[in-house]
Amino acid sequence: MIDGQAPVETFEEIDSTLLEARRRATGGALGPVWLIARRQTAGRGRRGRSWSSLEGNLHATYLFPAERPVAEIALLGFATGLAIAETLAQFTTAPITLKWPNDVMIGGQKAAGILLDSYASPGGGVWAALGFGVNLAAAPEAIDQPTTSLRQVLPPDAAAPEPAAFFAALRPRLEAWAGRLNDVGFAPLRNAWLARAHRLGEPARVLQGDVPIEGRFAGISPAGELELDTDAGRRLIAAGDVLFPQPD
């Protein structure tokens, strides 16, 4: 699903690489292509939330024709999170974990977010866009959870990697995990993701709309659903926001 030969286009400033991907796909250009911006003026996160796009951070979207089932394409979010975590680990020994469904955490604070879009093209065919932002140089404030950046956990005299350099280190890892997903299925990726799972086995609250579901985070299913052990038994949750109690 990730083409190793896909070209990379870089923008000094754009509203959003995801919006650019949508414009291209609507016009019939389905990729594959990487779109990377130094600055975004209208970055977007999950559920329509805004995503603060600070200069020095990585803002990227991969646009591609969706030739696999949508449920399988959704698993690319796990591959992307794992690839980002492995790349961050090149630069810091701080603990890096993965929070379901699509956040990468450094020291328990959000450092990266991932978003997947998939739609039918007016000209025929289905396209998908895999977007992500990684806080390399700075962390946005006033979002729905504490944030951090790679720079904040580096020594005072160490510079954060440039976005292009970080992407160059990330891309082969993402291609490798996507290739394994394509060739042998989700199981190896699931195991590697769970080895970095954020607060696995701990109490959690899942919000679906305004309805909270209380339980214990037990893992992820072979389909990528959150496994939540509740008083009524295990529940599989395909979408929602996960909240954990603040540690003492």
C-alpha atoms as a PDB file:
ATOM      1  CA  MET A   1       0.000   0.000   0.000  1.00  0.00           C
ATOM      2  CA  ILE A   2       3.007   2.300   0.417  1.00  0.00           C
ATOM      3  CA  ASP A   3       4.827   2.710  -2.884  1.00  0.00           C
ATOM      4  CA  GLY A   4       8.563   3.051  -2.345  1.00  0.00           C
ATOM      5  CA  GLN A   5       8.849   4.900  -5.662  1.00  0.00           C
ATOM      6  CA  ALA A   6       6.190   7.527  -4.891  1.00  0.00           C
ATOM      7  CA  PRO A   7       7.492  11.068  -5.484  1.00  0.00           C
ATOM      8  CA  VAL A   8       7.716  13.665  -2.715  1.00  0.00           C
ATOM      9  CA  GLU A   9       6.344  17.191  -3.187  1.00  0.00           C
ATOM     10  CA  THR A  10       7.251  19.841  -0.617  1.00  0.00           C
ATOM     11  CA  PHE A  11       5.390  23.085   0.050  1.00  0.00           C
ATOM     12  CA  GLU A  12       6.720  26.074   1.961  1.00  0.00           C
ATOM     13  CA  GLU A  13       3.159  26.832   3.077  1.00  0.00           C
ATOM     14  CA  ILE A  14      -0.239  25.305   2.365  1.00  0.00           C
ATOM     15  CA  ASP A  15      -3.616  25.157   4.073  1.00  0.00           C
ATOM     16  CA  SER A  16      -3.305  21.424   4.718  1.00  0.00           C
ATOM     17  CA  THR A  17      -1.581  18.507   3.018  1.00  0.00           C
ATOM     18  CA  LEU A  18      -4.751  16.464   3.626  1.00  0.00           C
ATOM     19  CA  LEU A  19      -6.865  19.120   1.933  1.00  0.00           C
ATOM     20  CA  GLU A  20      -4.418  19.194  -0.967  1.00  0.00           C
ATOM     21  CA  ALA A  21      -4.700  15.416  -1.255  1.00  0.00           C
ATOM     22  CA  ARG A  22      -8.489  15.711  -1.336  1.00  0.00           C
ATOM     23  CA  ARG A  23      -8.363  18.392  -4.035  1.00  0.00           C
ATOM     24  CA  ARG A  24      -6.116  16.260  -6.195  1.00  0.00           C
ATOM     25  CA  ALA A  25      -8.203  13.129  -5.735  1.00  0.00           C
ATOM     26  CA  THR A  26     -11.407  15.036  -6.511  1.00  0.00           C
ATOM     27  CA  GLY A  27      -9.764  16.123  -9.752  1.00  0.00           C
ATOM     28  CA  GLY A  28      -8.849  12.528 -10.591  1.00  0.00           C
ATOM     29  CA  ALA A  29      -5.169  12.544  -9.554  1.00  0.00           C
ATOM     30  CA  LEU A  30      -5.057   9.662  -7.086  1.00  0.00           C
ATOM     31  CA  GLY A  31      -1.285   9.417  -6.648  1.00  0.00           C
ATOM     32  CA  PRO A  32       0.706   7.801  -5.249  1.00  0.00           C
ATOM     33  CA  VAL A  33       2.482  10.915  -3.983  1.00  0.00           C
ATOM     34  CA  TRP A  34       3.851  12.283  -0.723  1.00  0.00           C
ATOM     35  CA  LEU A  35       2.824  15.856   0.153  1.00  0.00           C
ATOM     36  CA  ILE A  36       4.934  17.581   2.806  1.00  0.00           C
ATOM     37  CA  ALA A  37       4.567  21.129   4.116  1.00  0.00           C
ATOM     38  CA  ARG A  38       6.904  23.286   6.164  1.00  0.00           C
ATOM     39  CA  ARG A  39       3.897  25.268   7.402  1.00  0.00           C
ATOM     40  CA  GLN A  40       0.146  24.599   7.384  1.00  0.00           C
ATOM     41  CA  THR A  41      -2.505  27.239   7.957  1.00  0.00           C
ATOM     42  CA  ALA A  42      -5.466  24.866   8.400  1.00  0.00           C
ATOM     43  CA  GLY A  43      -4.141  21.562   9.696  1.00  0.00           C
ATOM     44  CA  ARG A  44      -6.777  18.998  10.677  1.00  0.00           C
ATOM     45  CA  GLY A  45      -6.883  16.252  13.267  1.00  0.00           C
ATOM     46  CA  ARG A  46      -9.347  13.494  14.099  1.00  0.00           C
ATOM     47  CA  ARG A  47     -13.112  14.183  14.210  1.00  0.00           C
ATOM     48  CA  GLY A  48     -12.675  17.558  12.511  1.00  0.00           C
ATOM     49  CA  ARG A  49     -10.440  19.011  15.215  1.00  0.00           C
ATOM     50  CA  SER A  50      -7.811  21.534  14.240  1.00  0.00           C
ATOM     51  CA  TRP A  51      -4.139  20.523  14.323  1.00  0.00           C
ATOM     52  CA  SER A  52      -1.639  23.246  15.144  1.00  0.00           C
ATOM     53  CA  SER A  53       1.080  23.115  12.500  1.00  0.00           C
ATOM     54  CA  LEU A  54       4.214  24.752  13.859  1.00  0.00           C
ATOM     55  CA  GLU A  55       7.278  25.347  11.710  1.00  0.00           C
ATOM     56  CA  GLY A  56      10.034  22.832  12.320  1.00  0.00           C
ATOM     57  CA  ASN A  57       7.568  19.980  12.754  1.00  0.00           C
ATOM     58  CA  LEU A  58       6.744  17.321  10.159  1.00  0.00           C
ATOM     59  CA  HIS A  59       3.411  17.655   8.311  1.00  0.00           C
ATOM     60  CA  ALA A  60       2.926  14.907   5.725  1.00  0.00           C
ATOM     61  CA  THR A  61       0.214  13.169   3.721  1.00  0.00           C
ATOM     62  CA  TYR A  62       0.496  10.148   1.463  1.00  0.00           C
ATOM     63  CA  LEU A  63      -2.166  10.073  -1.280  1.00  0.00           C
ATOM     64  CA  PHE A  64      -2.720   6.749  -3.020  1.00  0.00           C
ATOM     65  CA  PRO A  65      -5.339   4.741  -4.931  1.00  0.00           C
ATOM     66  CA  ALA A  66      -7.167   2.457  -2.509  1.00  0.00           C
ATOM     67  CA  GLU A  67      -6.823  -0.977  -4.041  1.00  0.00           C
ATOM     68  CA  ARG A  68      -7.351  -2.921  -0.794  1.00  0.00           C
ATOM     69  CA  PRO A  69     -10.411  -3.191   1.483  1.00  0.00           C
ATOM     70  CA  VAL A  70     -11.037  -0.118   3.623  1.00  0.00           C
ATOM     71  CA  ALA A  71     -10.674  -2.158   6.841  1.00  0.00           C
ATOM     72  CA  GLU A  72      -7.188  -3.215   5.751  1.00  0.00           C
ATOM     73  CA  ILE A  73      -6.205   0.311   4.777  1.00  0.00           C
ATOM     74  CA  ALA A  74      -7.227   1.461   8.277  1.00  0.00           C
ATOM     75  CA  LEU A  75      -4.509  -0.781   9.720  1.00  0.00           C
ATOM     76  CA  LEU A  76      -1.936   1.513   8.108  1.00  0.00           C
ATOM     77  CA  GLY A  77      -2.548   3.800  11.072  1.00  0.00           C
ATOM     78  CA  PHE A  78      -0.899   1.226  13.341  1.00  0.00           C
ATOM     79  CA  ALA A  79       2.018   0.809  10.915  1.00  0.00           C
ATOM     80  CA  THR A  80       2.495   4.572  10.815  1.00  0.00           C
ATOM     81  CA  GLY A  81       2.415   4.945  14.581  1.00  0.00           C
ATOM     82  CA  LEU A  82       4.972   2.190  14.992  1.00  0.00           C
ATOM     83  CA  ALA A  83       7.241   3.647  12.297  1.00  0.00           C
ATOM     84  CA  ILE A  84       7.089   7.099  13.928  1.00  0.00           C
ATOM     85  CA  ALA A  85       7.854   5.595  17.349  1.00  0.00           C
ATOM     86  CA  GLU A  86      10.834   3.652  16.011  1.00  0.00           C
ATOM     87  CA  THR A  87      12.181   6.752  14.284  1.00  0.00           C
ATOM     88  CA  LEU A  88      11.785   8.923  17.389  1.00  0.00           C
ATOM     89  CA  ALA A  89      13.708   6.269  19.318  1.00  0.00           C
ATOM     90  CA  GLN A  90      16.728   7.009  17.124  1.00  0.00           C
ATOM     91  CA  PHE A  91      16.992  10.411  18.768  1.00  0.00           C
ATOM     92  CA  THR A  92      15.948   9.924  22.394  1.00  0.00           C
ATOM     93  CA  THR A  93      15.924   7.364  25.177  1.00  0.00           C
ATOM     94  CA  ALA A  94      12.697   8.854  26.604  1.00  0.00           C
ATOM     95  CA  PRO A  95       9.838   6.332  26.761  1.00  0.00           C
ATOM     96  CA  ILE A  96       7.842   6.267  23.513  1.00  0.00           C
ATOM     97  CA  THR A  97       4.431   4.630  23.547  1.00  0.00           C
ATOM     98  CA  LEU A  98       1.448   4.217  21.225  1.00  0.00           C
ATOM     99  CA  LYS A  99      -2.017   5.319  22.323  1.00  0.00           C
ATOM    100  CA  TRP A 100      -4.994   3.766  20.562  1.00  0.00           C
ATOM    101  CA  PRO A 101      -6.032   4.499  17.938  1.00  0.00           C
ATOM    102  CA  ASN A 102      -3.488   6.878  16.442  1.00  0.00           C
ATOM    103  CA  ASP A 103      -1.330   8.903  18.856  1.00  0.00           C
ATOM    104  CA  VAL A 104       2.389   8.597  19.508  1.00  0.00           C
ATOM    105  CA  MET A 105       3.454   9.601  23.010  1.00  0.00           C
ATOM    106  CA  ILE A 106       6.785  10.681  24.467  1.00  0.00           C
ATOM    107  CA  GLY A 107       6.897  10.438  28.241  1.00  0.00           C
ATOM    108  CA  GLY A 108       3.121  10.051  28.341  1.00  0.00           C
ATOM    109  CA  GLN A 109       2.420  13.220  26.323  1.00  0.00           C
ATOM    110  CA  LYS A 110       1.232  13.427  22.716  1.00  0.00           C
ATOM    111  CA  ALA A 111       4.014  13.976  20.182  1.00  0.00           C
ATOM    112  CA  ALA A 112       2.364  12.820  16.947  1.00  0.00           C
ATOM    113  CA  GLY A 113      -1.080  12.229  15.486  1.00  0.00           C
ATOM    114  CA  ILE A 114      -2.274  10.193  12.507  1.00  0.00           C
ATOM    115  CA  LEU A 115      -5.372  10.521  10.333  1.00  0.00           C
ATOM    116  CA  LEU A 116      -6.707   8.377   7.480  1.00  0.00           C
ATOM    117  CA  ASP A 117      -9.210   9.481   4.834  1.00  0.00           C
ATOM    118  CA  SER A 118     -10.805   7.260   2.193  1.00  0.00           C
ATOM    119  CA  TYR A 119     -13.383   8.308  -0.392  1.00  0.00           C
ATOM    120  CA  ALA A 120     -14.768   7.420  -3.802  1.00  0.00           C
ATOM    121  CA  SER A 121     -13.366   9.551  -6.615  1.00  0.00           C
ATOM    122  CA  PRO A 122     -15.876  11.341  -8.879  1.00  0.00           C
ATOM    123  CA  GLY A 123     -13.945   9.977 -11.839  1.00  0.00           C
ATOM    124  CA  GLY A 124     -14.139   6.388 -10.576  1.00  0.00           C
ATOM    125  CA  GLY A 125     -12.034   4.403  -8.156  1.00  0.00           C
ATOM    126  CA  VAL A 126     -11.367   4.926  -4.473  1.00  0.00           C
ATOM    127  CA  TRP A 127      -8.563   6.988  -2.994  1.00  0.00           C
ATOM    128  CA  ALA A 128      -7.027   7.105   0.450  1.00  0.00           C
ATOM    129  CA  ALA A 129      -4.887   9.662   2.251  1.00  0.00           C
ATOM    130  CA  LEU A 130      -2.642   8.878   5.200  1.00  0.00           C
ATOM    131  CA  GLY A 131      -1.788  12.078   7.052  1.00  0.00           C
ATOM    132  CA  PHE A 132       0.370  12.624  10.112  1.00  0.00           C
ATOM    133  CA  GLY A 133       2.057  15.349  12.083  1.00  0.00           C
ATOM    134  CA  VAL A 134       5.113  14.871  14.298  1.00  0.00           C
ATOM    135  CA  ASN A 135       6.144  17.454  16.895  1.00  0.00           C
ATOM    136  CA  LEU A 136       9.869  17.729  16.306  1.00  0.00           C
ATOM    137  CA  ALA A 137      10.741  21.334  17.203  1.00  0.00           C
ATOM    138  CA  ALA A 138       7.705  22.526  19.180  1.00  0.00           C
ATOM    139  CA  ALA A 139       4.463  21.324  20.715  1.00  0.00           C
ATOM    140  CA  PRO A 140       1.055  22.996  20.241  1.00  0.00           C
ATOM    141  CA  GLU A 141      -0.872  24.121  23.283  1.00  0.00           C
ATOM    142  CA  ALA A 142      -4.562  24.094  24.178  1.00  0.00           C
ATOM    143  CA  ILE A 143      -5.528  20.790  22.582  1.00  0.00           C
ATOM    144  CA  ASP A 144      -7.449  17.980  24.245  1.00  0.00           C
ATOM    145  CA  GLN A 145      -4.455  16.401  25.994  1.00  0.00           C
ATOM    146  CA  PRO A 146      -0.915  17.283  27.179  1.00  0.00           C
ATOM    147  CA  THR A 147       1.603  17.590  24.354  1.00  0.00           C
ATOM    148  CA  THR A 148       5.344  17.501  23.947  1.00  0.00           C
ATOM    149  CA  SER A 149       7.948  17.605  21.193  1.00  0.00           C
ATOM    150  CA  LEU A 150      11.128  15.711  20.484  1.00  0.00           C
ATOM    151  CA  ARG A 151      13.066  18.901  21.162  1.00  0.00           C
ATOM    152  CA  GLN A 152      11.723  19.046  24.723  1.00  0.00           C
ATOM    153  CA  VAL A 153      13.291  15.700  25.637  1.00  0.00           C
ATOM    154  CA  LEU A 154      16.658  16.304  23.953  1.00  0.00           C
ATOM    155  CA  PRO A 155      19.697  17.720  25.784  1.00  0.00           C
ATOM    156  CA  PRO A 156      19.768  21.547  25.859  1.00  0.00           C
ATOM    157  CA  ASP A 157      22.563  21.708  23.301  1.00  0.00           C
ATOM    158  CA  ALA A 158      20.989  19.215  20.869  1.00  0.00           C
ATOM    159  CA  ALA A 159      18.928  20.378  17.910  1.00  0.00           C
ATOM    160  CA  ALA A 160      15.794  18.579  16.788  1.00  0.00           C
ATOM    161  CA  PRO A 161      16.140  16.885  13.389  1.00  0.00           C
ATOM    162  CA  GLU A 162      14.926  18.786  10.365  1.00  0.00           C
ATOM    163  CA  PRO A 163      11.561  17.524   9.094  1.00  0.00           C
ATOM    164  CA  ALA A 164      13.080  16.318   5.805  1.00  0.00           C
ATOM    165  CA  ALA A 165      15.748  14.313   7.642  1.00  0.00           C
ATOM    166  CA  PHE A 166      13.197  12.803  10.010  1.00  0.00           C
ATOM    167  CA  PHE A 167      10.946  11.857   7.091  1.00  0.00           C
ATOM    168  CA  ALA A 168      13.892  10.246   5.285  1.00  0.00           C
ATOM    169  CA  ALA A 169      14.502   8.063   8.363  1.00  0.00           C
ATOM    170  CA  LEU A 170      10.797   7.335   8.841  1.00  0.00           C
ATOM    171  CA  ARG A 171       9.851   6.429   5.284  1.00  0.00           C
ATOM    172  CA  PRO A 172      11.713   3.087   4.965  1.00  0.00           C
ATOM    173  CA  ARG A 173      10.331   1.946   8.324  1.00  0.00           C
ATOM    174  CA  LEU A 174       6.793   2.739   7.232  1.00  0.00           C
ATOM    175  CA  GLU A 175       7.310   1.006   3.892  1.00  0.00           C
ATOM    176  CA  ALA A 176       8.683  -2.060   5.684  1.00  0.00           C
ATOM    177  CA  TRP A 177       5.745  -2.339   8.113  1.00  0.00           C
ATOM    178  CA  ALA A 178       3.224  -1.699   5.355  1.00  0.00           C
ATOM    179  CA  GLY A 179       4.921  -4.405   3.290  1.00  0.00           C
ATOM    180  CA  ARG A 180       4.679  -6.914   6.144  1.00  0.00           C
ATOM    181  CA  LEU A 181       1.028  -6.008   6.622  1.00  0.00           C
ATOM    182  CA  ASN A 182       0.439  -6.670   2.939  1.00  0.00           C
ATOM    183  CA  ASP A 183       2.446  -9.913   2.825  1.00  0.00           C
ATOM    184  CA  VAL A 184       1.727 -11.683   6.122  1.00  0.00           C
ATOM    185  CA  GLY A 185      -1.185  -9.823   7.699  1.00  0.00           C
ATOM    186  CA  PHE A 186      -1.713  -7.790  10.831  1.00  0.00           C
ATOM    187  CA  ALA A 187      -0.373 -10.219  13.471  1.00  0.00           C
ATOM    188  CA  PRO A 188       3.337  -9.151  13.509  1.00  0.00           C
ATOM    189  CA  LEU A 189       2.374  -5.481  13.410  1.00  0.00           C
ATOM    190  CA  ARG A 190      -0.185  -6.005  16.176  1.00  0.00           C
ATOM    191  CA  ASN A 191       2.408  -7.685  18.399  1.00  0.00           C
ATOM    192  CA  ALA A 192       4.962  -4.916  17.831  1.00  0.00           C
ATOM    193  CA  TRP A 193       2.333  -2.235  18.474  1.00  0.00           C
ATOM    194  CA  LEU A 194       1.220  -3.901  21.712  1.00  0.00           C
ATOM    195  CA  ALA A 195       4.834  -4.011  22.900  1.00  0.00           C
ATOM    196  CA  ARG A 196       4.705  -0.191  22.889  1.00  0.00           C
ATOM    197  CA  ALA A 197       1.046   0.203  23.919  1.00  0.00           C
ATOM    198  CA  HIS A 198       0.349   3.186  26.157  1.00  0.00           C
ATOM    199  CA  ARG A 199      -0.887   2.117  29.605  1.00  0.00           C
ATOM    200  CA  LEU A 200      -1.817  -1.409  28.582  1.00  0.00           C
ATOM    201  CA  GLY A 201      -3.729  -3.208  31.328  1.00  0.00           C
ATOM    202  CA  GLU A 202      -4.740   0.007  33.105  1.00  0.00           C
ATOM    203  CA  PRO A 203      -8.189   1.490  33.790  1.00  0.00           C
ATOM    204  CA  ALA A 204      -9.534   3.500  30.859  1.00  0.00           C
ATOM    205  CA  ARG A 205     -12.599   5.433  29.814  1.00  0.00           C
ATOM    206  CA  VAL A 206     -13.738   5.431  26.197  1.00  0.00           C
ATOM    207  CA  LEU A 207     -15.921   8.260  24.914  1.00  0.00           C
ATOM    208  CA  GLN A 208     -18.288   7.601  22.029  1.00  0.00           C
ATOM    209  CA  GLY A 209     -20.202  10.823  21.682  1.00  0.00           C
ATOM    210  CA  ASP A 210     -21.255  11.760  25.205  1.00  0.00           C
ATOM    211  CA  VAL A 211     -21.473   8.195  26.496  1.00  0.00           C
ATOM    212  CA  PRO A 212     -18.457   7.000  28.549  1.00  0.00           C
ATOM    213  CA  ILE A 213     -17.558   3.321  28.734  1.00  0.00           C
ATOM    214  CA  GLU A 214     -15.471   2.341  31.744  1.00  0.00           C
ATOM    215  CA  GLY A 215     -13.111  -0.624  31.819  1.00  0.00           C
ATOM    216  CA  ARG A 216      -9.547  -1.808  31.572  1.00  0.00           C
ATOM    217  CA  PHE A 217      -7.467  -1.495  28.401  1.00  0.00           C
ATOM    218  CA  ALA A 218      -6.782  -5.150  27.528  1.00  0.00           C
ATOM    219  CA  GLY A 219      -5.234  -4.850  24.041  1.00  0.00           C
ATOM    220  CA  ILE A 220      -6.245  -4.573  20.407  1.00  0.00           C
ATOM    221  CA  SER A 221      -8.132  -7.181  18.430  1.00  0.00           C
ATOM    222  CA  PRO A 222      -6.923  -8.845  15.199  1.00  0.00           C
ATOM    223  CA  ALA A 223      -9.026  -6.225  13.400  1.00  0.00           C
ATOM    224  CA  GLY A 224      -7.441  -3.291  15.254  1.00  0.00           C
ATOM    225  CA  GLU A 225     -10.352  -2.666  17.634  1.00  0.00           C
ATOM    226  CA  LEU A 226      -9.738  -1.589  21.213  1.00  0.00           C
ATOM    227  CA  GLU A 227     -10.290  -4.449  23.665  1.00  0.00           C
ATOM    228  CA  LEU A 228     -11.873  -3.083  26.837  1.00  0.00           C
ATOM    229  CA  ASP A 229     -12.630  -5.335  29.786  1.00  0.00           C
ATOM    230  CA  THR A 230     -15.755  -4.002  31.510  1.00  0.00           C
ATOM    231  CA  ASP A 231     -17.920  -5.235  34.368  1.00  0.00           C
ATOM    232  CA  ALA A 232     -20.217  -6.688  31.706  1.00  0.00           C
ATOM    233  CA  GLY A 233     -17.400  -8.477  29.874  1.00  0.00           C
ATOM    234  CA  ARG A 234     -15.011  -7.656  27.078  1.00  0.00           C
ATOM    235  CA  ARG A 235     -16.085  -5.047  24.541  1.00  0.00           C
ATOM    236  CA  LEU A 236     -14.556  -4.407  21.139  1.00  0.00           C
ATOM    237  CA  ILE A 237     -14.545  -0.732  20.217  1.00  0.00           C
ATOM    238  CA  ALA A 238     -13.912   0.387  16.645  1.00  0.00           C
ATOM    239  CA  ALA A 239     -13.862   4.148  17.262  1.00  0.00           C
ATOM    240  CA  GLY A 240     -13.731   6.512  20.207  1.00  0.00           C
ATOM    241  CA  ASP A 241     -11.523   8.694  22.391  1.00  0.00           C
ATOM    242  CA  VAL A 242      -9.593   6.915  25.142  1.00  0.00           C
ATOM    243  CA  LEU A 243      -8.947   8.676  28.447  1.00  0.00           C
ATOM    244  CA  PHE A 244      -6.736   7.381  31.230  1.00  0.00           C
ATOM    245  CA  PRO A 245      -6.787   8.523  34.866  1.00  0.00           C
ATOM    246  CA  GLN A 246      -3.943  10.852  35.745  1.00  0.00           C
ATOM    247  CA  PRO A 247      -1.129   8.847  37.409  1.00  0.00           C
ATOM    248  CA  ASP A 248      -0.526   9.539  41.084  1.00  0.00           C
END
